[in-house]
Amino acid sequence: MAIALDWLASGKGVALATVVRTWGSSPRPAGSNLVIASDGSFEGSVSGGCVEGAVVRAAQEVIETGEECTVEFGVTDDEAWEVGLACGGQILVLIEPIR
């Protein structure tokens, strides 16, 4: 996404979150992306808004440490229920720092 290049050029840290696997009914398909800046700005979607806040928080840590991570959300995840991922599915999201 072009916004990632703009953020990098302005000196912000950037991470890319990608849905790498889904199970059951999920809000977005595998391959969906969310680009996150170190200031919490983001563009795109990995869950149609359900878990973006949690992904942004994880991405800010990835930007800070430089280490990629994966996060999983599903109907058994308390945070997913709190933010609305009650569709009965699960998603696995890879978050990578962009340099």
Protein backbone atom coordinates (compact mmCIF):
# COMPACT_ATOMS: atom_id res chain seq x y z
CA MET A 1 0.00 0.00 0.00
CA ALA A 2 1.31 3.41 -0.95
CA ILE A 3 0.47 4.83 2.48
CA ALA A 4 3.19 2.63 4.01
CA LEU A 5 5.81 4.33 1.83
CA ASP A 6 4.47 7.76 2.82
CA TRP A 7 4.65 6.86 6.51
CA LEU A 8 8.18 5.46 6.15
CA ALA A 9 9.29 8.60 4.28
CA SER A 10 7.92 10.75 7.10
CA GLY A 11 9.97 8.81 9.66
CA LYS A 12 7.20 6.68 11.15
CA GLY A 13 7.68 3.01 11.93
CA VAL A 14 5.42 0.74 9.89
CA ALA A 15 4.13 -2.82 10.17
CA LEU A 16 2.06 -4.99 7.83
CA ALA A 17 -0.60 -7.32 9.23
CA THR A 18 -1.84 -10.08 6.93
CA VAL A 19 -4.54 -12.69 7.49
CA VAL A 20 -2.64 -15.92 6.82
CA ARG A 21 -5.31 -18.44 7.76
CA THR A 22 -9.00 -18.57 8.55
CA TRP A 23 -11.24 -21.25 10.04
CA GLY A 24 -15.01 -21.31 9.79
CA SER A 25 -16.88 -18.10 9.13
CA SER A 26 -14.37 -15.26 9.19
CA PRO A 27 -14.99 -11.58 8.49
CA ARG A 28 -12.12 -11.24 5.95
CA PRO A 29 -10.38 -13.82 3.74
CA ALA A 30 -6.77 -14.95 3.91
CA GLY A 31 -4.56 -12.36 2.23
CA SER A 32 -6.41 -9.36 3.68
CA ASN A 33 -3.99 -6.64 4.84
CA LEU A 34 -3.76 -3.87 7.39
CA VAL A 35 -0.88 -1.36 7.33
CA ILE A 36 -0.10 0.20 10.71
CA ALA A 37 2.06 3.21 11.62
CA SER A 38 3.89 3.63 14.92
CA ASP A 39 1.48 6.42 15.90
CA GLY A 40 -1.51 4.04 15.65
CA SER A 41 -2.72 5.21 12.24
CA PHE A 42 -3.83 2.35 10.01
CA GLU A 43 -5.31 1.59 6.63
CA GLY A 44 -6.95 -1.59 5.40
CA SER A 45 -8.70 -4.36 7.32
CA VAL A 46 -8.03 -7.84 8.64
CA SER A 47 -11.41 -8.36 10.30
CA GLY A 48 -13.90 -5.80 9.09
CA GLY A 49 -13.25 -3.77 12.25
CA CYS A 50 -13.70 -6.58 14.78
CA VAL A 51 -10.13 -6.95 16.06
CA GLU A 52 -8.27 -4.09 14.40
CA GLY A 53 -7.60 -2.38 17.74
CA ALA A 54 -5.84 -5.45 19.12
CA VAL A 55 -3.88 -5.90 15.89
CA VAL A 56 -2.77 -2.25 15.99
CA ARG A 57 -1.52 -2.69 19.57
CA ALA A 58 0.41 -5.83 18.60
CA ALA A 59 1.80 -4.07 15.51
CA GLN A 60 3.10 -1.18 17.61
CA GLU A 61 5.09 -3.71 19.65
CA VAL A 62 6.39 -5.31 16.43
CA ILE A 63 7.51 -1.88 15.20
CA GLU A 64 9.26 -1.24 18.51
CA THR A 65 11.04 -4.62 18.72
CA GLY A 66 11.56 -5.30 15.02
CA GLU A 67 10.36 -8.89 15.58
CA GLU A 68 7.43 -10.31 13.62
CA CYS A 69 4.66 -12.16 15.43
CA THR A 70 1.40 -13.97 14.84
CA VAL A 71 -1.85 -13.38 16.69
CA GLU A 72 -4.96 -15.53 16.59
CA PHE A 73 -8.52 -14.48 17.28
CA GLY A 74 -11.64 -16.60 17.50
CA VAL A 75 -14.88 -17.11 19.33
CA THR A 76 -13.05 -18.58 22.33
CA ASP A 77 -10.83 -15.50 22.65
CA ASP A 78 -12.28 -13.13 25.27
CA GLU A 79 -10.83 -10.08 23.52
CA ALA A 80 -12.36 -11.15 20.20
CA TRP A 81 -15.79 -11.37 21.85
CA GLU A 82 -15.29 -7.98 23.47
CA VAL A 83 -14.52 -6.33 20.14
CA GLY A 84 -17.09 -8.22 18.09
CA LEU A 85 -15.53 -11.30 16.43
CA ALA A 86 -18.55 -13.40 17.22
CA CYS A 87 -19.01 -14.77 13.69
CA GLY A 88 -18.05 -18.29 14.75
CA GLY A 89 -14.70 -18.33 12.96
CA GLN A 90 -11.05 -17.80 13.71
CA ILE A 91 -8.29 -15.81 12.04
CA LEU A 92 -4.51 -16.05 12.25
CA VAL A 93 -2.72 -12.77 11.52
CA LEU A 94 0.99 -12.36 10.74
CA ILE A 95 2.42 -8.97 11.72
CA GLU A 96 5.74 -7.96 10.15
CA PRO A 97 7.84 -4.82 10.53
CA ILE A 98 8.38 -2.90 7.29
CA ARG A 99 11.70 -1.17 6.82
